[in-house]
Amino acid sequence: MTGFPSTARSSPNGRADQVQIRQAVDPERAAQLFRQVVLPHLGDGLALARWLAGNASDAEDIMQDACLRALKAIDGYRGGNARAWLLVIVRNTAFNWLARQRSSTLVMVGDLADVDDAASEASATDTTLRSTPESELIRRADQQAVAEAIAALSLPMREVVVLRDINDFSYKEIADMLDLPIGTVMSRLSRGRQQLAALLVRAEP
């Protein structure tokens, strides 16, 4: 997606010119960009970090790291969706943090083979947002119950559900943010909503 952190460009002689790029942005300019691009979306970033980490304390640590990364990468921001740009950084920071602090938390990615295989059954060009029985159940459910059920989802499904149903990103935006095919995003979202609905049904009195 346009506007995401860019890697170093290569000069005609094959050498990266990241140094020249960073020299072109002075500290005052970087601080101004940070205020314009990052600060308005800190709340969304912290919320995503909390969904991924599962608690506020870890989310604050993740956001501190993410803000430092955003500041270092701000010279690579090329416009576009600033909120999505920041949330990509938060998401990647959260995954790295979780891998260091709670490696066992990420073991569940191994059960995604069937989910990703099922993506081939979804049309990658069909990005229409349809109402389903699961989404209707989620919409009517108590917010606290939904929050607890989302926290119980496996991390890859949780992030897709949060990005789509809480942050209102489109399938295309999520696919770009997570570097996944649209069909995979659709499949994970569908499976995540099904699991979420099942958890909500079991939680009902």
N, C-alpha and C. Protein backbone atom coordinates (compact mmCIF):
# COMPACT_ATOMS: atom_id res chain seq x y z
N MET A 1 0.85 -1.20 0.00
CA MET A 1 0.00 0.00 0.00
C MET A 1 0.88 1.23 0.00
N THR A 2 0.51 2.20 -0.76
CA THR A 2 1.27 3.45 -0.81
C THR A 2 1.28 4.11 0.55
N GLY A 3 2.46 4.54 0.96
CA GLY A 3 2.55 5.23 2.24
C GLY A 3 3.12 4.38 3.35
N PHE A 4 3.27 3.04 3.11
CA PHE A 4 3.84 2.19 4.13
C PHE A 4 5.35 2.44 4.19
N PRO A 5 5.99 2.07 5.32
CA PRO A 5 7.43 2.32 5.44
C PRO A 5 8.18 1.70 4.28
N SER A 6 9.04 2.44 3.65
CA SER A 6 9.76 1.95 2.48
C SER A 6 11.15 1.49 2.87
N THR A 7 11.67 0.58 2.09
CA THR A 7 13.03 0.13 2.31
C THR A 7 13.98 1.05 1.57
N ALA A 8 15.25 0.87 1.80
CA ALA A 8 16.23 1.72 1.13
C ALA A 8 16.17 1.52 -0.37
N ARG A 9 16.20 2.61 -1.12
CA ARG A 9 16.22 2.54 -2.57
C ARG A 9 17.64 2.26 -3.04
N SER A 10 17.74 1.72 -4.24
CA SER A 10 19.06 1.43 -4.80
C SER A 10 19.44 2.49 -5.81
N SER A 11 20.66 2.93 -5.74
CA SER A 11 21.17 3.91 -6.70
C SER A 11 21.61 3.17 -7.95
N PRO A 12 21.89 3.90 -9.04
CA PRO A 12 22.30 3.23 -10.27
C PRO A 12 23.49 2.31 -10.11
N ASN A 13 24.39 2.60 -9.17
CA ASN A 13 25.55 1.74 -8.99
C ASN A 13 25.28 0.60 -8.02
N GLY A 14 23.99 0.43 -7.63
CA GLY A 14 23.63 -0.70 -6.80
C GLY A 14 23.71 -0.46 -5.32
N ARG A 15 24.19 0.70 -4.91
CA ARG A 15 24.33 0.99 -3.48
C ARG A 15 23.07 1.66 -2.96
N ALA A 16 22.67 1.26 -1.74
CA ALA A 16 21.47 1.84 -1.14
C ALA A 16 21.71 3.30 -0.82
N ASP A 17 20.68 4.14 -1.05
CA ASP A 17 20.84 5.56 -0.78
C ASP A 17 19.96 6.00 0.39
N GLN A 18 19.72 5.07 1.34
CA GLN A 18 18.91 5.41 2.51
C GLN A 18 19.55 6.56 3.26
N VAL A 19 20.89 6.65 3.24
CA VAL A 19 21.57 7.73 3.97
C VAL A 19 21.16 9.08 3.42
N GLN A 20 21.14 9.19 2.06
CA GLN A 20 20.75 10.46 1.47
C GLN A 20 19.32 10.81 1.80
N ILE A 21 18.43 9.80 1.83
CA ILE A 21 17.03 10.04 2.15
C ILE A 21 16.91 10.61 3.56
N ARG A 22 17.62 10.00 4.49
CA ARG A 22 17.50 10.46 5.87
C ARG A 22 18.14 11.83 6.06
N GLN A 23 19.18 12.10 5.30
CA GLN A 23 19.81 13.40 5.43
C GLN A 23 18.89 14.50 4.91
N ALA A 24 17.98 14.13 4.01
CA ALA A 24 17.10 15.14 3.40
C ALA A 24 16.03 15.61 4.37
N VAL A 25 15.80 14.85 5.44
CA VAL A 25 14.78 15.21 6.42
C VAL A 25 15.47 15.61 7.71
N ASP A 26 15.42 16.88 8.07
CA ASP A 26 16.07 17.34 9.28
C ASP A 26 15.22 16.98 10.49
N PRO A 27 15.80 17.00 11.68
CA PRO A 27 15.06 16.60 12.89
C PRO A 27 13.78 17.39 13.10
N GLU A 28 13.80 18.67 12.80
CA GLU A 28 12.60 19.48 12.98
C GLU A 28 11.49 19.04 12.03
N ARG A 29 11.87 18.75 10.79
CA ARG A 29 10.91 18.26 9.80
C ARG A 29 10.36 16.89 10.22
N ALA A 30 11.25 16.01 10.72
CA ALA A 30 10.83 14.68 11.17
C ALA A 30 9.84 14.80 12.33
N ALA A 31 10.12 15.72 13.26
CA ALA A 31 9.22 15.91 14.39
C ALA A 31 7.86 16.43 13.93
N GLN A 32 7.88 17.31 12.95
CA GLN A 32 6.62 17.85 12.42
C GLN A 32 5.81 16.74 11.74
N LEU A 33 6.49 15.90 10.94
CA LEU A 33 5.80 14.78 10.29
C LEU A 33 5.24 13.81 11.32
N PHE A 34 6.02 13.56 12.37
CA PHE A 34 5.57 12.65 13.42
C PHE A 34 4.29 13.17 14.07
N ARG A 35 4.25 14.47 14.35
CA ARG A 35 3.05 15.06 14.95
C ARG A 35 1.85 14.96 14.01
N GLN A 36 2.08 15.13 12.73
CA GLN A 36 0.98 15.12 11.77
C GLN A 36 0.51 13.70 11.44
N VAL A 37 1.45 12.78 11.34
CA VAL A 37 1.14 11.44 10.85
C VAL A 37 0.82 10.47 11.98
N VAL A 38 1.58 10.53 13.06
CA VAL A 38 1.48 9.51 14.11
C VAL A 38 0.56 9.91 15.25
N LEU A 39 0.74 11.11 15.79
CA LEU A 39 0.02 11.49 16.99
C LEU A 39 -1.50 11.38 16.87
N PRO A 40 -2.12 11.74 15.73
CA PRO A 40 -3.58 11.64 15.66
C PRO A 40 -4.11 10.21 15.78
N HIS A 41 -3.24 9.21 15.58
CA HIS A 41 -3.70 7.82 15.53
C HIS A 41 -3.12 6.97 16.65
N LEU A 42 -2.57 7.62 17.68
CA LEU A 42 -1.99 6.87 18.79
C LEU A 42 -3.05 6.04 19.51
N GLY A 43 -4.27 6.57 19.63
CA GLY A 43 -5.33 5.83 20.30
C GLY A 43 -5.65 4.54 19.57
N ASP A 44 -5.77 4.60 18.25
CA ASP A 44 -6.03 3.40 17.47
C ASP A 44 -4.86 2.42 17.57
N GLY A 45 -3.65 2.96 17.56
CA GLY A 45 -2.48 2.10 17.68
C GLY A 45 -2.45 1.38 19.01
N LEU A 46 -2.74 2.11 20.09
CA LEU A 46 -2.75 1.49 21.41
C LEU A 46 -3.86 0.45 21.51
N ALA A 47 -5.00 0.73 20.91
CA ALA A 47 -6.11 -0.24 20.94
C ALA A 47 -5.72 -1.53 20.21
N LEU A 48 -5.09 -1.39 19.04
CA LEU A 48 -4.66 -2.58 18.31
C LEU A 48 -3.62 -3.35 19.10
N ALA A 49 -2.67 -2.64 19.70
CA ALA A 49 -1.65 -3.31 20.51
C ALA A 49 -2.28 -4.07 21.66
N ARG A 50 -3.33 -3.49 22.25
CA ARG A 50 -3.98 -4.16 23.36
C ARG A 50 -4.72 -5.41 22.90
N TRP A 51 -5.39 -5.32 21.73
CA TRP A 51 -6.07 -6.50 21.20
C TRP A 51 -5.07 -7.63 20.93
N LEU A 52 -3.91 -7.27 20.39
CA LEU A 52 -2.94 -8.29 20.04
C LEU A 52 -2.21 -8.85 21.25
N ALA A 53 -1.90 -7.98 22.21
CA ALA A 53 -1.14 -8.41 23.38
C ALA A 53 -2.03 -9.00 24.46
N GLY A 54 -3.27 -8.53 24.55
CA GLY A 54 -4.19 -9.08 25.54
C GLY A 54 -4.25 -8.34 26.85
N ASN A 55 -3.40 -7.33 27.04
CA ASN A 55 -3.48 -6.55 28.28
C ASN A 55 -2.87 -5.17 28.05
N ALA A 56 -3.29 -4.23 28.89
CA ALA A 56 -2.91 -2.83 28.70
C ALA A 56 -1.43 -2.58 28.95
N SER A 57 -0.86 -3.26 29.95
CA SER A 57 0.54 -3.03 30.29
C SER A 57 1.47 -3.40 29.14
N ASP A 58 1.28 -4.58 28.56
CA ASP A 58 2.10 -4.99 27.43
C ASP A 58 1.85 -4.09 26.23
N ALA A 59 0.59 -3.68 26.05
CA ALA A 59 0.26 -2.81 24.92
C ALA A 59 1.02 -1.49 25.01
N GLU A 60 1.18 -0.95 26.20
CA GLU A 60 1.92 0.30 26.36
C GLU A 60 3.40 0.12 26.00
N ASP A 61 3.98 -1.02 26.38
CA ASP A 61 5.37 -1.30 26.00
C ASP A 61 5.49 -1.41 24.49
N ILE A 62 4.54 -2.10 23.88
CA ILE A 62 4.56 -2.25 22.42
C ILE A 62 4.44 -0.89 21.74
N MET A 63 3.56 -0.04 22.24
CA MET A 63 3.37 1.26 21.62
C MET A 63 4.61 2.13 21.75
N GLN A 64 5.30 2.03 22.87
CA GLN A 64 6.54 2.79 23.02
C GLN A 64 7.55 2.38 21.95
N ASP A 65 7.69 1.07 21.75
CA ASP A 65 8.60 0.58 20.72
C ASP A 65 8.11 1.01 19.33
N ALA A 66 6.79 0.92 19.12
CA ALA A 66 6.23 1.27 17.82
C ALA A 66 6.44 2.75 17.50
N CYS A 67 6.30 3.60 18.50
CA CYS A 67 6.51 5.04 18.28
C CYS A 67 7.96 5.33 17.91
N LEU A 68 8.88 4.65 18.55
CA LEU A 68 10.30 4.82 18.20
C LEU A 68 10.55 4.37 16.76
N ARG A 69 9.93 3.25 16.39
CA ARG A 69 10.09 2.76 15.01
C ARG A 69 9.46 3.73 14.02
N ALA A 70 8.31 4.26 14.38
CA ALA A 70 7.63 5.21 13.50
C ALA A 70 8.46 6.46 13.30
N LEU A 71 9.08 6.93 14.38
CA LEU A 71 9.91 8.12 14.28
C LEU A 71 11.11 7.87 13.38
N LYS A 72 11.73 6.68 13.52
CA LYS A 72 12.87 6.35 12.68
C LYS A 72 12.47 6.18 11.21
N ALA A 73 11.23 5.73 10.99
CA ALA A 73 10.78 5.46 9.63
C ALA A 73 10.01 6.62 9.00
N ILE A 74 9.84 7.71 9.75
CA ILE A 74 8.96 8.78 9.29
C ILE A 74 9.44 9.39 7.98
N ASP A 75 10.75 9.36 7.73
CA ASP A 75 11.26 9.92 6.48
C ASP A 75 10.88 9.05 5.28
N GLY A 76 10.42 7.82 5.56
CA GLY A 76 9.98 6.94 4.48
C GLY A 76 8.49 7.04 4.20
N TYR A 77 7.79 7.86 4.98
CA TYR A 77 6.35 8.02 4.76
C TYR A 77 6.12 8.84 3.50
N ARG A 78 5.34 8.30 2.59
CA ARG A 78 5.13 8.97 1.30
C ARG A 78 3.67 9.37 1.08
N GLY A 79 2.97 9.64 2.16
CA GLY A 79 1.58 10.03 2.03
C GLY A 79 0.67 8.81 2.05
N GLY A 80 -0.62 9.03 1.81
CA GLY A 80 -1.57 7.94 1.84
C GLY A 80 -2.24 7.84 3.20
N ASN A 81 -2.68 6.65 3.55
CA ASN A 81 -3.43 6.41 4.78
C ASN A 81 -2.48 6.36 5.97
N ALA A 82 -2.38 7.47 6.70
CA ALA A 82 -1.46 7.54 7.83
C ALA A 82 -1.84 6.56 8.93
N ARG A 83 -3.13 6.38 9.15
CA ARG A 83 -3.59 5.46 10.18
C ARG A 83 -3.15 4.03 9.86
N ALA A 84 -3.34 3.62 8.62
CA ALA A 84 -2.91 2.28 8.21
C ALA A 84 -1.40 2.14 8.31
N TRP A 85 -0.67 3.20 7.92
CA TRP A 85 0.79 3.18 7.98
C TRP A 85 1.26 2.93 9.41
N LEU A 86 0.65 3.64 10.37
CA LEU A 86 1.04 3.46 11.76
C LEU A 86 0.64 2.08 12.28
N LEU A 87 -0.56 1.62 11.92
CA LEU A 87 -1.01 0.33 12.45
C LEU A 87 -0.19 -0.83 11.91
N VAL A 88 0.36 -0.70 10.72
CA VAL A 88 1.29 -1.72 10.23
C VAL A 88 2.51 -1.79 11.13
N ILE A 89 3.03 -0.63 11.51
CA ILE A 89 4.18 -0.59 12.40
C ILE A 89 3.83 -1.18 13.76
N VAL A 90 2.65 -0.82 14.28
CA VAL A 90 2.22 -1.36 15.58
C VAL A 90 2.07 -2.86 15.50
N ARG A 91 1.44 -3.34 14.44
CA ARG A 91 1.22 -4.78 14.27
C ARG A 91 2.54 -5.53 14.22
N ASN A 92 3.49 -5.05 13.41
CA ASN A 92 4.78 -5.73 13.30
C ASN A 92 5.56 -5.66 14.61
N THR A 93 5.47 -4.52 15.28
CA THR A 93 6.13 -4.39 16.58
C THR A 93 5.53 -5.36 17.59
N ALA A 94 4.21 -5.48 17.58
CA ALA A 94 3.53 -6.38 18.51
C ALA A 94 3.96 -7.83 18.28
N PHE A 95 4.03 -8.24 17.01
CA PHE A 95 4.43 -9.61 16.72
C PHE A 95 5.87 -9.87 17.14
N ASN A 96 6.75 -8.92 16.89
CA ASN A 96 8.13 -9.08 17.33
C ASN A 96 8.23 -9.13 18.84
N TRP A 97 7.47 -8.27 19.50
CA TRP A 97 7.48 -8.22 20.97
C TRP A 97 6.95 -9.54 21.54
N LEU A 98 5.85 -10.03 20.99
CA LEU A 98 5.27 -11.28 21.47
C LEU A 98 6.22 -12.46 21.23
N ALA A 99 6.92 -12.44 20.10
CA ALA A 99 7.86 -13.52 19.81
C ALA A 99 8.99 -13.54 20.83
N ARG A 100 9.41 -12.35 21.29
CA ARG A 100 10.49 -12.28 22.29
C ARG A 100 9.99 -12.63 23.68
N GLN A 101 8.83 -12.10 24.03
CA GLN A 101 8.34 -12.21 25.41
C GLN A 101 7.52 -13.46 25.66
N ARG A 102 6.76 -13.89 24.66
CA ARG A 102 5.86 -15.03 24.86
C ARG A 102 5.87 -15.89 23.61
N SER A 103 6.96 -16.55 23.36
CA SER A 103 7.08 -17.33 22.14
C SER A 103 5.98 -18.38 22.02
N SER A 104 5.51 -18.92 23.14
CA SER A 104 4.47 -19.95 23.09
C SER A 104 3.16 -19.38 22.57
N THR A 105 2.98 -18.07 22.68
CA THR A 105 1.73 -17.46 22.23
C THR A 105 1.56 -17.61 20.73
N LEU A 106 2.67 -17.70 20.00
CA LEU A 106 2.59 -17.69 18.55
C LEU A 106 2.57 -19.09 17.95
N VAL A 107 2.54 -20.13 18.78
CA VAL A 107 2.54 -21.49 18.27
C VAL A 107 1.31 -21.77 17.42
N MET A 108 0.20 -21.08 17.72
CA MET A 108 -1.06 -21.37 17.06
C MET A 108 -1.05 -21.06 15.58
N VAL A 109 -0.02 -20.40 15.03
CA VAL A 109 -0.03 -20.12 13.60
C VAL A 109 0.05 -21.41 12.80
N GLY A 110 0.46 -22.49 13.40
CA GLY A 110 0.54 -23.75 12.69
C GLY A 110 -0.80 -24.31 12.28
N ASP A 111 -1.89 -23.86 12.91
CA ASP A 111 -3.19 -24.42 12.57
C ASP A 111 -3.87 -23.62 11.46
N LEU A 112 -3.12 -22.74 10.78
CA LEU A 112 -3.72 -21.90 9.74
C LEU A 112 -3.66 -22.53 8.36
N ALA A 113 -3.08 -23.72 8.22
CA ALA A 113 -2.96 -24.31 6.90
C ALA A 113 -4.33 -24.51 6.26
N ASP A 114 -5.28 -25.04 7.05
CA ASP A 114 -6.60 -25.28 6.48
C ASP A 114 -7.30 -23.97 6.16
N VAL A 115 -7.05 -22.95 6.96
CA VAL A 115 -7.67 -21.65 6.72
C VAL A 115 -7.13 -21.04 5.44
N ASP A 116 -5.82 -21.08 5.26
CA ASP A 116 -5.23 -20.48 4.08
C ASP A 116 -5.55 -21.30 2.82
N ASP A 117 -5.67 -22.62 2.98
CA ASP A 117 -6.09 -23.43 1.84
C ASP A 117 -7.51 -23.09 1.42
N ALA A 118 -8.34 -22.80 2.42
CA ALA A 118 -9.72 -22.46 2.12
C ALA A 118 -9.84 -21.14 1.38
N ALA A 119 -8.79 -20.34 1.43
CA ALA A 119 -8.83 -19.05 0.74
C ALA A 119 -9.00 -19.23 -0.76
N SER A 120 -8.54 -20.37 -1.28
CA SER A 120 -8.67 -20.60 -2.72
C SER A 120 -10.12 -20.73 -3.13
N GLU A 121 -11.00 -21.02 -2.17
CA GLU A 121 -12.41 -21.15 -2.46
C GLU A 121 -13.09 -19.79 -2.53
N ALA A 122 -12.44 -18.77 -2.02
CA ALA A 122 -13.02 -17.42 -2.05
C ALA A 122 -12.50 -16.68 -3.27
N SER A 123 -13.33 -15.88 -3.85
CA SER A 123 -12.91 -15.10 -5.01
C SER A 123 -12.11 -13.90 -4.55
N ALA A 124 -10.90 -13.78 -5.06
CA ALA A 124 -10.04 -12.67 -4.66
C ALA A 124 -10.55 -11.34 -5.20
N THR A 125 -11.43 -11.40 -6.18
CA THR A 125 -11.96 -10.15 -6.73
C THR A 125 -13.28 -9.75 -6.11
N ASP A 126 -13.88 -10.62 -5.30
CA ASP A 126 -15.17 -10.32 -4.68
C ASP A 126 -14.92 -9.70 -3.33
N THR A 127 -14.89 -8.38 -3.27
CA THR A 127 -14.59 -7.67 -2.02
C THR A 127 -15.84 -7.03 -1.44
N THR A 128 -17.03 -7.48 -1.88
CA THR A 128 -18.27 -6.95 -1.33
C THR A 128 -18.41 -7.37 0.12
N LEU A 129 -18.76 -6.44 0.98
CA LEU A 129 -18.92 -6.74 2.40
C LEU A 129 -20.36 -7.20 2.64
N ARG A 130 -20.51 -8.46 2.95
CA ARG A 130 -21.84 -9.02 3.11
C ARG A 130 -22.17 -9.20 4.58
N SER A 131 -23.44 -9.05 4.90
CA SER A 131 -23.91 -9.34 6.25
C SER A 131 -24.14 -10.84 6.36
N THR A 132 -23.66 -11.44 7.44
CA THR A 132 -23.81 -12.87 7.66
C THR A 132 -24.49 -13.09 9.01
N PRO A 133 -25.02 -14.30 9.27
CA PRO A 133 -25.59 -14.57 10.60
C PRO A 133 -24.58 -14.33 11.71
N GLU A 134 -23.31 -14.67 11.43
CA GLU A 134 -22.28 -14.47 12.46
C GLU A 134 -22.06 -12.99 12.74
N SER A 135 -21.97 -12.18 11.67
CA SER A 135 -21.74 -10.75 11.88
C SER A 135 -22.93 -10.10 12.57
N GLU A 136 -24.13 -10.56 12.28
CA GLU A 136 -25.32 -10.01 12.94
C GLU A 136 -25.32 -10.37 14.42
N LEU A 137 -24.93 -11.60 14.74
CA LEU A 137 -24.86 -12.00 16.15
C LEU A 137 -23.82 -11.17 16.89
N ILE A 138 -22.69 -10.96 16.26
CA ILE A 138 -21.62 -10.16 16.87
C ILE A 138 -22.09 -8.73 17.08
N ARG A 139 -22.81 -8.19 16.09
CA ARG A 139 -23.29 -6.81 16.17
C ARG A 139 -24.25 -6.62 17.34
N ARG A 140 -25.08 -7.63 17.62
CA ARG A 140 -26.09 -7.50 18.67
C ARG A 140 -25.55 -7.86 20.06
N ALA A 141 -24.40 -8.49 20.12
CA ALA A 141 -23.89 -8.99 21.39
C ALA A 141 -23.39 -7.86 22.28
N ASP A 142 -23.31 -8.16 23.57
CA ASP A 142 -22.78 -7.22 24.55
C ASP A 142 -21.31 -6.94 24.25
N GLN A 143 -20.90 -5.69 24.34
CA GLN A 143 -19.54 -5.30 23.97
C GLN A 143 -18.49 -6.02 24.81
N GLN A 144 -18.75 -6.18 26.09
CA GLN A 144 -17.78 -6.86 26.94
C GLN A 144 -17.64 -8.32 26.53
N ALA A 145 -18.76 -8.95 26.20
CA ALA A 145 -18.72 -10.34 25.76
C ALA A 145 -17.96 -10.47 24.45
N VAL A 146 -18.15 -9.50 23.54
CA VAL A 146 -17.43 -9.52 22.27
C VAL A 146 -15.93 -9.36 22.52
N ALA A 147 -15.57 -8.44 23.40
CA ALA A 147 -14.15 -8.20 23.69
C ALA A 147 -13.49 -9.46 24.24
N GLU A 148 -14.18 -10.15 25.15
CA GLU A 148 -13.62 -11.36 25.74
C GLU A 148 -13.51 -12.47 24.70
N ALA A 149 -14.49 -12.55 23.80
CA ALA A 149 -14.46 -13.58 22.77
C ALA A 149 -13.35 -13.31 21.76
N ILE A 150 -13.17 -12.05 21.38
CA ILE A 150 -12.09 -11.71 20.44
C ILE A 150 -10.74 -12.06 21.04
N ALA A 151 -10.57 -11.80 22.33
CA ALA A 151 -9.31 -12.10 23.00
C ALA A 151 -9.00 -13.59 22.98
N ALA A 152 -10.04 -14.42 22.85
CA ALA A 152 -9.85 -15.87 22.85
C ALA A 152 -9.51 -16.43 21.47
N LEU A 153 -9.61 -15.61 20.42
CA LEU A 153 -9.28 -16.07 19.08
C LEU A 153 -7.78 -16.25 18.92
N SER A 154 -7.39 -17.12 18.00
CA SER A 154 -5.97 -17.23 17.67
C SER A 154 -5.51 -15.90 17.07
N LEU A 155 -4.25 -15.59 17.24
CA LEU A 155 -3.75 -14.26 16.91
C LEU A 155 -3.96 -13.85 15.45
N PRO A 156 -3.67 -14.71 14.47
CA PRO A 156 -3.89 -14.29 13.07
C PRO A 156 -5.35 -13.97 12.78
N MET A 157 -6.27 -14.76 13.30
CA MET A 157 -7.69 -14.48 13.08
C MET A 157 -8.12 -13.25 13.87
N ARG A 158 -7.58 -13.09 15.06
CA ARG A 158 -7.94 -11.94 15.89
C ARG A 158 -7.57 -10.64 15.20
N GLU A 159 -6.37 -10.58 14.62
CA GLU A 159 -5.96 -9.32 14.02
C GLU A 159 -6.82 -8.96 12.82
N VAL A 160 -7.24 -9.97 12.02
CA VAL A 160 -8.08 -9.68 10.87
C VAL A 160 -9.46 -9.21 11.31
N VAL A 161 -10.02 -9.87 12.33
CA VAL A 161 -11.33 -9.46 12.86
C VAL A 161 -11.26 -8.04 13.41
N VAL A 162 -10.20 -7.72 14.14
CA VAL A 162 -10.05 -6.39 14.72
C VAL A 162 -9.89 -5.34 13.63
N LEU A 163 -9.06 -5.62 12.64
CA LEU A 163 -8.83 -4.65 11.57
C LEU A 163 -10.08 -4.41 10.74
N ARG A 164 -10.87 -5.46 10.51
CA ARG A 164 -12.07 -5.29 9.69
C ARG A 164 -13.26 -4.80 10.51
N ASP A 165 -13.60 -5.49 11.60
CA ASP A 165 -14.84 -5.22 12.30
C ASP A 165 -14.75 -4.12 13.34
N ILE A 166 -13.55 -3.79 13.77
CA ILE A 166 -13.39 -2.71 14.75
C ILE A 166 -12.80 -1.48 14.11
N ASN A 167 -11.78 -1.67 13.25
CA ASN A 167 -11.13 -0.53 12.61
C ASN A 167 -11.69 -0.19 11.24
N ASP A 168 -12.58 -1.02 10.71
CA ASP A 168 -13.29 -0.74 9.45
C ASP A 168 -12.38 -0.63 8.23
N PHE A 169 -11.26 -1.33 8.22
CA PHE A 169 -10.46 -1.37 7.02
C PHE A 169 -11.10 -2.30 6.00
N SER A 170 -10.92 -2.01 4.72
CA SER A 170 -11.45 -2.86 3.66
C SER A 170 -10.60 -4.12 3.53
N TYR A 171 -11.14 -5.11 2.80
CA TYR A 171 -10.35 -6.32 2.54
C TYR A 171 -9.03 -5.96 1.87
N LYS A 172 -9.10 -5.07 0.88
CA LYS A 172 -7.89 -4.69 0.15
C LYS A 172 -6.88 -4.02 1.07
N GLU A 173 -7.33 -3.13 1.92
CA GLU A 173 -6.42 -2.46 2.85
C GLU A 173 -5.78 -3.47 3.80
N ILE A 174 -6.58 -4.40 4.32
CA ILE A 174 -6.03 -5.40 5.24
C ILE A 174 -5.03 -6.29 4.51
N ALA A 175 -5.37 -6.69 3.29
CA ALA A 175 -4.46 -7.52 2.52
C ALA A 175 -3.12 -6.82 2.31
N ASP A 176 -3.16 -5.52 2.01
CA ASP A 176 -1.92 -4.76 1.84
C ASP A 176 -1.17 -4.62 3.15
N MET A 177 -1.90 -4.37 4.23
CA MET A 177 -1.26 -4.18 5.53
C MET A 177 -0.55 -5.45 6.01
N LEU A 178 -1.19 -6.60 5.78
CA LEU A 178 -0.66 -7.86 6.29
C LEU A 178 0.14 -8.62 5.23
N ASP A 179 0.21 -8.07 4.01
CA ASP A 179 0.92 -8.72 2.91
C ASP A 179 0.35 -10.11 2.66
N LEU A 180 -0.98 -10.18 2.52
CA LEU A 180 -1.68 -11.43 2.28
C LEU A 180 -2.56 -11.29 1.04
N PRO A 181 -2.88 -12.41 0.37
CA PRO A 181 -3.88 -12.35 -0.69
C PRO A 181 -5.24 -11.97 -0.12
N ILE A 182 -6.05 -11.28 -0.91
CA ILE A 182 -7.38 -10.89 -0.43
C ILE A 182 -8.20 -12.13 -0.05
N GLY A 183 -8.07 -13.20 -0.83
CA GLY A 183 -8.81 -14.42 -0.51
C GLY A 183 -8.46 -14.97 0.86
N THR A 184 -7.19 -14.86 1.25
CA THR A 184 -6.78 -15.32 2.57
C THR A 184 -7.38 -14.45 3.66
N VAL A 185 -7.40 -13.14 3.42
CA VAL A 185 -8.02 -12.23 4.39
C VAL A 185 -9.49 -12.58 4.56
N MET A 186 -10.19 -12.79 3.45
CA MET A 186 -11.61 -13.12 3.50
C MET A 186 -11.84 -14.43 4.26
N SER A 187 -10.98 -15.41 3.99
CA SER A 187 -11.12 -16.71 4.64
C SER A 187 -10.87 -16.61 6.14
N ARG A 188 -9.81 -15.90 6.53
CA ARG A 188 -9.51 -15.76 7.96
C ARG A 188 -10.61 -14.98 8.67
N LEU A 189 -11.14 -13.96 8.00
CA LEU A 189 -12.20 -13.19 8.61
C LEU A 189 -13.45 -14.04 8.78
N SER A 190 -13.79 -14.81 7.77
CA SER A 190 -14.96 -15.69 7.87
C SER A 190 -14.80 -16.70 8.99
N ARG A 191 -13.62 -17.35 9.05
CA ARG A 191 -13.38 -18.34 10.10
C ARG A 191 -13.33 -17.68 11.48
N GLY A 192 -12.74 -16.50 11.54
CA GLY A 192 -12.68 -15.79 12.81
C GLY A 192 -14.06 -15.41 13.31
N ARG A 193 -14.91 -14.93 12.41
CA ARG A 193 -16.28 -14.57 12.80
C ARG A 193 -17.06 -15.80 13.26
N GLN A 194 -16.86 -16.93 12.59
CA GLN A 194 -17.54 -18.15 12.99
C GLN A 194 -17.13 -18.57 14.41
N GLN A 195 -15.82 -18.52 14.67
CA GLN A 195 -15.33 -18.87 16.00
C GLN A 195 -15.84 -17.88 17.04
N LEU A 196 -15.85 -16.60 16.65
CA LEU A 196 -16.32 -15.56 17.56
C LEU A 196 -17.79 -15.77 17.90
N ALA A 197 -18.59 -16.06 16.89
CA ALA A 197 -20.02 -16.30 17.11
C ALA A 197 -20.23 -17.51 18.00
N ALA A 198 -19.46 -18.57 17.79
CA ALA A 198 -19.58 -19.77 18.61
C ALA A 198 -19.24 -19.47 20.07
N LEU A 199 -18.20 -18.67 20.29
CA LEU A 199 -17.83 -18.28 21.65
C LEU A 199 -18.92 -17.46 22.31
N LEU A 200 -19.54 -16.58 21.53
CA LEU A 200 -20.61 -15.73 22.09
C LEU A 200 -21.85 -16.57 22.44
N VAL A 201 -22.15 -17.55 21.60
CA VAL A 201 -23.29 -18.43 21.88
C VAL A 201 -23.05 -19.21 23.16
N ARG A 202 -21.84 -19.73 23.34
CA ARG A 202 -21.53 -20.49 24.55
C ARG A 202 -21.54 -19.60 25.79
N ALA A 203 -21.25 -18.32 25.60
CA ALA A 203 -21.22 -17.41 26.74
C ALA A 203 -22.59 -16.91 27.15
N GLU A 204 -23.60 -17.13 26.29
CA GLU A 204 -24.94 -16.66 26.64
C GLU A 204 -25.50 -17.44 27.84
N PRO A 205 -26.28 -16.74 28.71
CA PRO A 205 -26.88 -17.42 29.87
C PRO A 205 -27.76 -18.58 29.41
